[in-house]
């Protein structure tokens, strides 16, 4: 499994409130990286912190009924 896929699966699997927690979970799966590298990767993947937890932005988009763009 590639690192990007693993990051997204970890974020979908349980609430992650800080990057240190995510770094520890990645290390347990054999992926060692620095906080700055993780931060850049999260930005590239479209991951944002919302309501205290990290989420993939595309996964959290909600479509409102009756709204056209």
N, C-alpha and C. Protein backbone atom coordinates (compact mmCIF):
# COMPACT_ATOMS: atom_id res chain seq x y z
N UNK A 1 0.85 -1.17 0.00
CA UNK A 1 0.00 0.00 0.00
C UNK A 1 0.90 1.23 0.00
N UNK A 2 0.56 2.20 -0.85
CA UNK A 2 1.37 3.40 -0.88
C UNK A 2 1.01 4.33 0.28
N UNK A 3 1.90 5.27 0.54
CA UNK A 3 1.75 6.14 1.71
C UNK A 3 0.49 6.99 1.64
N UNK A 4 0.19 7.55 0.48
CA UNK A 4 -1.01 8.39 0.36
C UNK A 4 -2.28 7.61 0.68
N UNK A 5 -2.37 6.41 0.15
CA UNK A 5 -3.54 5.57 0.41
C UNK A 5 -3.64 5.24 1.90
N UNK A 6 -2.51 4.92 2.51
CA UNK A 6 -2.50 4.60 3.94
C UNK A 6 -2.95 5.81 4.77
N UNK A 7 -2.47 6.99 4.45
CA UNK A 7 -2.87 8.19 5.18
C UNK A 7 -4.38 8.37 5.10
N UNK A 8 -4.95 8.26 3.91
CA UNK A 8 -6.39 8.44 3.74
C UNK A 8 -7.18 7.36 4.47
N UNK A 9 -6.69 6.12 4.46
CA UNK A 9 -7.37 5.05 5.19
C UNK A 9 -7.33 5.28 6.69
N UNK A 10 -6.19 5.74 7.21
CA UNK A 10 -6.09 6.03 8.65
C UNK A 10 -7.05 7.15 9.03
N UNK A 11 -7.15 8.18 8.19
CA UNK A 11 -8.05 9.29 8.49
C UNK A 11 -9.51 8.86 8.44
N UNK A 12 -9.83 7.95 7.54
CA UNK A 12 -11.21 7.45 7.44
C UNK A 12 -11.55 6.48 8.56
N UNK A 13 -10.53 5.81 9.11
CA UNK A 13 -10.76 4.76 10.09
C UNK A 13 -11.11 5.22 11.48
N UNK A 14 -10.52 6.31 11.92
CA UNK A 14 -10.78 6.80 13.27
C UNK A 14 -10.39 8.26 13.36
N UNK A 15 -10.97 8.99 14.31
CA UNK A 15 -10.64 10.41 14.43
C UNK A 15 -9.17 10.63 14.78
N UNK A 16 -8.52 11.50 14.04
CA UNK A 16 -7.13 11.87 14.31
C UNK A 16 -7.12 13.37 14.54
N UNK A 17 -6.69 13.78 15.74
CA UNK A 17 -6.80 15.18 16.12
C UNK A 17 -5.50 15.96 15.97
N UNK A 18 -4.37 15.26 15.83
CA UNK A 18 -3.12 16.00 15.63
C UNK A 18 -2.16 15.19 14.76
N UNK A 19 -1.24 15.90 14.16
CA UNK A 19 -0.31 15.26 13.24
C UNK A 19 0.63 14.29 13.96
N UNK A 20 0.92 14.55 15.22
CA UNK A 20 1.76 13.63 15.98
C UNK A 20 1.14 12.25 16.09
N UNK A 21 -0.16 12.20 16.31
CA UNK A 21 -0.89 10.94 16.36
C UNK A 21 -0.81 10.22 15.02
N UNK A 22 -1.01 10.97 13.94
CA UNK A 22 -0.94 10.37 12.61
C UNK A 22 0.47 9.88 12.31
N UNK A 23 1.49 10.64 12.70
CA UNK A 23 2.87 10.21 12.51
C UNK A 23 3.15 8.90 13.24
N UNK A 24 2.63 8.77 14.47
CA UNK A 24 2.83 7.54 15.25
C UNK A 24 2.15 6.35 14.57
N UNK A 25 0.95 6.56 14.05
CA UNK A 25 0.24 5.47 13.38
C UNK A 25 0.94 5.06 12.09
N UNK A 26 1.48 6.04 11.38
CA UNK A 26 2.24 5.74 10.16
C UNK A 26 3.53 4.98 10.50
N UNK A 27 4.21 5.39 11.57
CA UNK A 27 5.44 4.72 11.99
C UNK A 27 5.15 3.26 12.37
N UNK A 28 4.01 3.02 13.01
CA UNK A 28 3.63 1.65 13.38
C UNK A 28 3.40 0.79 12.16
N UNK A 29 3.10 1.43 11.02
CA UNK A 29 2.89 0.70 9.76
C UNK A 29 4.15 0.68 8.91
N UNK A 30 5.27 1.20 9.48
CA UNK A 30 6.55 1.14 8.78
C UNK A 30 6.91 2.35 7.94
N UNK A 31 6.19 3.45 8.12
CA UNK A 31 6.47 4.68 7.35
C UNK A 31 6.95 5.77 8.30
N UNK A 32 8.24 6.04 8.27
CA UNK A 32 8.84 7.10 9.10
C UNK A 32 8.96 8.36 8.26
N UNK A 33 8.38 9.46 8.71
CA UNK A 33 8.55 10.73 8.04
C UNK A 33 8.48 11.85 9.05
N UNK A 34 8.94 13.02 8.64
CA UNK A 34 8.95 14.17 9.55
C UNK A 34 7.58 14.85 9.53
N UNK A 35 7.36 15.69 10.54
CA UNK A 35 6.10 16.42 10.62
C UNK A 35 5.94 17.35 9.43
N UNK A 36 7.03 18.00 9.01
CA UNK A 36 6.92 18.93 7.88
C UNK A 36 6.60 18.19 6.58
N UNK A 37 7.17 17.01 6.39
CA UNK A 37 6.86 16.21 5.21
C UNK A 37 5.40 15.77 5.25
N UNK A 38 4.92 15.34 6.42
CA UNK A 38 3.53 14.95 6.55
C UNK A 38 2.61 16.12 6.26
N UNK A 39 2.93 17.29 6.79
CA UNK A 39 2.11 18.46 6.58
C UNK A 39 1.98 18.80 5.09
N UNK A 40 3.10 18.75 4.37
CA UNK A 40 3.06 19.01 2.92
C UNK A 40 2.23 17.96 2.18
N UNK A 41 2.37 16.72 2.59
CA UNK A 41 1.62 15.64 1.95
C UNK A 41 0.13 15.78 2.21
N UNK A 42 -0.25 16.14 3.45
CA UNK A 42 -1.66 16.34 3.77
C UNK A 42 -2.25 17.47 2.91
N UNK A 43 -1.49 18.52 2.73
CA UNK A 43 -1.96 19.64 1.91
C UNK A 43 -2.16 19.18 0.47
N UNK A 44 -1.21 18.41 -0.05
CA UNK A 44 -1.30 17.92 -1.43
C UNK A 44 -2.49 16.99 -1.61
N UNK A 45 -2.82 16.22 -0.58
CA UNK A 45 -3.95 15.28 -0.64
C UNK A 45 -5.30 15.96 -0.42
N UNK A 46 -5.28 17.23 -0.03
CA UNK A 46 -6.53 17.93 0.23
C UNK A 46 -7.11 17.63 1.59
N UNK A 47 -6.24 17.28 2.54
CA UNK A 47 -6.69 16.98 3.90
C UNK A 47 -6.69 18.27 4.70
N UNK A 48 -7.76 18.50 5.44
CA UNK A 48 -7.90 19.69 6.26
C UNK A 48 -8.36 19.31 7.66
N UNK A 49 -8.06 20.16 8.61
CA UNK A 49 -8.54 19.94 9.97
C UNK A 49 -9.86 20.69 10.12
N UNK A 50 -10.91 19.95 10.43
CA UNK A 50 -12.24 20.54 10.59
C UNK A 50 -12.87 19.97 11.85
N UNK A 51 -13.38 20.85 12.69
CA UNK A 51 -14.03 20.44 13.95
C UNK A 51 -13.11 19.59 14.80
N UNK A 52 -11.80 19.92 14.75
CA UNK A 52 -10.83 19.26 15.62
C UNK A 52 -10.23 17.98 15.09
N UNK A 53 -10.65 17.49 13.92
CA UNK A 53 -10.08 16.28 13.37
C UNK A 53 -9.68 16.49 11.91
N UNK A 54 -8.69 15.71 11.50
CA UNK A 54 -8.24 15.78 10.10
C UNK A 54 -9.18 14.97 9.23
N UNK A 55 -9.55 15.56 8.09
CA UNK A 55 -10.46 14.91 7.15
C UNK A 55 -10.03 15.20 5.73
N UNK A 56 -10.29 14.23 4.86
CA UNK A 56 -10.05 14.43 3.44
C UNK A 56 -11.15 15.35 2.93
N UNK A 57 -10.78 16.48 2.37
CA UNK A 57 -11.75 17.51 1.99
C UNK A 57 -12.82 16.99 1.04
N UNK A 58 -12.45 16.15 0.08
CA UNK A 58 -13.44 15.62 -0.86
C UNK A 58 -14.45 14.74 -0.15
N UNK A 59 -14.01 14.04 0.88
CA UNK A 59 -14.91 13.13 1.60
C UNK A 59 -15.92 13.90 2.46
N UNK A 60 -15.59 15.15 2.79
CA UNK A 60 -16.47 15.88 3.69
C UNK A 60 -17.37 16.89 2.96
N UNK A 61 -17.34 16.89 1.64
CA UNK A 61 -18.17 17.81 0.87
C UNK A 61 -19.61 17.30 0.91
N UNK A 62 -20.53 18.20 1.20
CA UNK A 62 -21.93 17.83 1.25
C UNK A 62 -22.67 18.59 0.17
N UNK A 63 -23.56 17.89 -0.50
CA UNK A 63 -24.38 18.52 -1.52
C UNK A 63 -25.71 18.91 -0.87
N UNK A 64 -26.08 20.15 -1.00
CA UNK A 64 -27.34 20.64 -0.44
C UNK A 64 -28.44 20.49 -1.47
N UNK A 65 -29.56 19.92 -1.08
CA UNK A 65 -30.66 19.77 -2.04
C UNK A 65 -31.19 21.12 -2.48
N UNK A 66 -31.54 21.20 -3.75
CA UNK A 66 -32.12 22.41 -4.27
C UNK A 66 -31.15 23.55 -4.53
N UNK A 67 -29.85 23.29 -4.41
CA UNK A 67 -28.86 24.33 -4.66
C UNK A 67 -28.17 24.01 -5.98
N UNK A 68 -28.20 24.96 -6.90
CA UNK A 68 -27.51 24.76 -8.17
C UNK A 68 -26.34 25.72 -8.26
N UNK A 69 -25.32 25.26 -8.91
CA UNK A 69 -24.09 26.07 -9.02
C UNK A 69 -23.89 26.43 -10.48
